[in-house]
Structure formats: C-alpha cells, structure tokens
N, C-alpha and C. Protein backbone atom coordinates (compact mmCIF):
# COMPACT_ATOMS: atom_id res chain seq x y z
N UNK A 1 -12.88 -2.51 7.22
CA UNK A 1 -12.27 -2.68 5.93
C UNK A 1 -13.28 -2.39 4.84
N UNK A 2 -12.81 -1.83 3.75
CA UNK A 2 -13.73 -1.51 2.66
C UNK A 2 -14.19 -2.80 1.98
N UNK A 3 -15.44 -2.81 1.58
CA UNK A 3 -16.03 -4.01 1.01
C UNK A 3 -15.45 -4.39 -0.34
N UNK A 4 -14.90 -3.43 -1.08
CA UNK A 4 -14.35 -3.77 -2.40
C UNK A 4 -13.12 -4.68 -2.27
N UNK A 5 -12.36 -4.58 -1.21
CA UNK A 5 -11.21 -5.46 -1.01
C UNK A 5 -11.65 -6.82 -0.49
N UNK A 6 -12.72 -6.87 0.28
CA UNK A 6 -13.17 -8.13 0.88
C UNK A 6 -13.42 -9.18 -0.19
N UNK A 7 -14.09 -8.82 -1.26
CA UNK A 7 -14.38 -9.79 -2.32
C UNK A 7 -13.10 -10.29 -2.99
N UNK A 8 -12.20 -9.37 -3.31
CA UNK A 8 -10.93 -9.77 -3.94
C UNK A 8 -10.12 -10.68 -3.03
N UNK A 9 -10.06 -10.34 -1.75
CA UNK A 9 -9.28 -11.15 -0.82
C UNK A 9 -9.93 -12.51 -0.62
N UNK A 10 -11.27 -12.57 -0.65
CA UNK A 10 -11.96 -13.85 -0.55
C UNK A 10 -11.61 -14.73 -1.76
N UNK A 11 -11.59 -14.14 -2.95
CA UNK A 11 -11.26 -14.93 -4.16
C UNK A 11 -9.84 -15.50 -4.07
N UNK A 12 -8.92 -14.77 -3.48
CA UNK A 12 -7.53 -15.23 -3.38
C UNK A 12 -7.35 -16.27 -2.28
N UNK A 13 -8.02 -16.07 -1.13
CA UNK A 13 -7.75 -16.91 0.04
C UNK A 13 -8.89 -17.86 0.40
N UNK A 14 -10.10 -17.58 -0.03
CA UNK A 14 -11.25 -18.39 0.36
C UNK A 14 -11.78 -18.05 1.75
N UNK A 15 -11.23 -17.03 2.40
CA UNK A 15 -11.65 -16.64 3.75
C UNK A 15 -12.92 -15.81 3.67
N UNK A 16 -13.99 -16.31 4.32
CA UNK A 16 -15.28 -15.61 4.32
C UNK A 16 -15.58 -15.11 5.72
N UNK A 17 -14.71 -14.28 6.24
CA UNK A 17 -14.89 -13.73 7.58
C UNK A 17 -14.43 -12.29 7.59
N UNK A 18 -14.17 -11.77 8.77
CA UNK A 18 -13.75 -10.39 8.93
C UNK A 18 -12.26 -10.25 8.60
N UNK A 19 -11.94 -9.21 7.86
CA UNK A 19 -10.55 -8.90 7.51
C UNK A 19 -10.06 -7.72 8.33
N UNK A 20 -8.82 -7.79 8.77
CA UNK A 20 -8.20 -6.69 9.52
C UNK A 20 -7.12 -6.04 8.68
N UNK A 21 -7.06 -4.73 8.73
CA UNK A 21 -6.00 -3.97 8.06
C UNK A 21 -5.27 -3.17 9.13
N UNK A 22 -3.95 -3.31 9.21
CA UNK A 22 -3.20 -2.55 10.22
C UNK A 22 -3.40 -1.04 10.06
N UNK A 23 -3.40 -0.34 11.17
CA UNK A 23 -3.49 1.11 11.17
C UNK A 23 -2.07 1.65 11.08
N UNK A 24 -1.57 1.78 9.85
CA UNK A 24 -0.17 2.17 9.64
C UNK A 24 0.11 3.59 10.11
N UNK A 25 -0.88 4.46 10.13
CA UNK A 25 -0.65 5.81 10.65
C UNK A 25 -0.36 5.76 12.15
N UNK A 26 -1.06 4.90 12.87
CA UNK A 26 -0.81 4.74 14.31
C UNK A 26 0.57 4.13 14.54
N UNK A 27 0.95 3.18 13.72
CA UNK A 27 2.28 2.56 13.82
C UNK A 27 3.35 3.63 13.59
N UNK A 28 3.14 4.49 12.59
CA UNK A 28 4.12 5.52 12.24
C UNK A 28 4.34 6.53 13.37
N UNK A 29 3.38 6.62 14.28
CA UNK A 29 3.55 7.55 15.41
C UNK A 29 4.69 7.10 16.32
N UNK A 30 4.96 5.78 16.35
CA UNK A 30 5.99 5.24 17.25
C UNK A 30 7.21 4.66 16.54
N UNK A 31 7.06 4.36 15.25
CA UNK A 31 8.14 3.70 14.51
C UNK A 31 8.41 4.41 13.19
N UNK A 32 9.65 4.34 12.73
CA UNK A 32 10.03 4.96 11.46
C UNK A 32 9.72 4.07 10.27
N UNK A 33 9.74 2.75 10.48
CA UNK A 33 9.52 1.83 9.37
C UNK A 33 9.12 0.46 9.89
N UNK A 34 8.55 -0.33 9.02
CA UNK A 34 8.26 -1.75 9.30
C UNK A 34 9.06 -2.55 8.29
N UNK A 35 9.89 -3.44 8.76
CA UNK A 35 10.77 -4.21 7.86
C UNK A 35 10.31 -5.66 7.79
N UNK A 36 10.51 -6.24 6.63
CA UNK A 36 10.17 -7.63 6.39
C UNK A 36 11.29 -8.27 5.60
N UNK A 37 11.71 -9.44 6.00
CA UNK A 37 12.77 -10.12 5.24
C UNK A 37 12.19 -10.66 3.93
N UNK A 38 13.06 -10.99 2.99
CA UNK A 38 12.61 -11.59 1.73
C UNK A 38 11.89 -12.90 2.01
N UNK A 39 12.42 -13.71 2.92
CA UNK A 39 11.77 -14.96 3.26
C UNK A 39 10.40 -14.72 3.88
N UNK A 40 10.30 -13.71 4.74
CA UNK A 40 9.01 -13.36 5.34
C UNK A 40 7.99 -13.00 4.28
N UNK A 41 8.41 -12.23 3.30
CA UNK A 41 7.51 -11.86 2.21
C UNK A 41 7.11 -13.09 1.38
N UNK A 42 8.09 -13.88 1.00
CA UNK A 42 7.81 -15.02 0.13
C UNK A 42 6.93 -16.08 0.79
N UNK A 43 6.98 -16.18 2.11
CA UNK A 43 6.16 -17.18 2.78
C UNK A 43 4.78 -16.66 3.19
N UNK A 44 4.54 -15.35 3.06
CA UNK A 44 3.24 -14.82 3.48
C UNK A 44 2.47 -14.07 2.40
N UNK A 45 3.11 -13.62 1.36
CA UNK A 45 2.42 -12.83 0.33
C UNK A 45 1.28 -13.63 -0.30
N UNK A 46 0.10 -13.03 -0.31
CA UNK A 46 -1.06 -13.67 -0.92
C UNK A 46 -1.77 -14.68 -0.04
N UNK A 47 -1.26 -14.93 1.15
CA UNK A 47 -1.87 -15.91 2.05
C UNK A 47 -2.70 -15.23 3.11
N UNK A 48 -3.69 -15.96 3.60
CA UNK A 48 -4.48 -15.49 4.73
C UNK A 48 -3.67 -15.73 5.99
N UNK A 49 -3.57 -14.71 6.84
CA UNK A 49 -2.87 -14.82 8.11
C UNK A 49 -3.93 -14.76 9.21
N UNK A 50 -4.06 -15.83 9.98
CA UNK A 50 -5.09 -15.92 11.00
C UNK A 50 -4.89 -14.89 12.09
N UNK A 51 -6.00 -14.35 12.57
CA UNK A 51 -6.01 -13.42 13.70
C UNK A 51 -7.01 -13.97 14.71
N UNK A 52 -7.39 -13.19 15.68
CA UNK A 52 -8.31 -13.64 16.73
C UNK A 52 -9.66 -14.07 16.14
N UNK A 53 -10.19 -15.14 16.66
CA UNK A 53 -11.49 -15.63 16.20
C UNK A 53 -11.46 -16.02 14.73
N UNK A 54 -12.46 -15.56 13.99
CA UNK A 54 -12.52 -15.84 12.55
C UNK A 54 -11.95 -14.69 11.73
N UNK A 55 -11.23 -13.80 12.36
CA UNK A 55 -10.64 -12.67 11.64
C UNK A 55 -9.33 -13.08 11.01
N UNK A 56 -8.95 -12.34 9.97
CA UNK A 56 -7.71 -12.62 9.26
C UNK A 56 -7.16 -11.32 8.68
N UNK A 57 -5.94 -11.39 8.19
CA UNK A 57 -5.30 -10.26 7.52
C UNK A 57 -4.42 -10.81 6.43
N UNK A 58 -3.86 -9.94 5.61
CA UNK A 58 -2.93 -10.29 4.55
C UNK A 58 -1.77 -9.35 4.62
N UNK A 59 -0.65 -9.79 4.04
CA UNK A 59 0.52 -8.94 3.99
C UNK A 59 0.33 -7.87 2.96
C-alpha cells in the first residue's frame, strides 16, 4: 500500500499496522462487479476491518 494513504487511514481509524488493499484487477478477471448493500456500506464505511494478524483494510 502506498504510504500516503497509510497516514490518512491511521488518523481515521487509529490502526498502526499493515493495511491491505484488494487487487480489484484480479477480481475483475473472474467477476463483473462487486456489490454491497446500503446496510453493508453504512456499517463499514470509514471503519477498520480486521484481517489476518495485525493487518487491516477499509471499505
């Protein structure tokens, strides 16, 4: 992940670890779209989503 996003995401979430960003080009090789419900967006937008170990991602 690029370091310029790491600082911004840390300010929003307080997470001081590794951030993961999905490889959307690889996803696009097998799928036409990724869908999210309104409730899914409202409950995850701006939040840290835990991943393996101390890694995290955001919507």
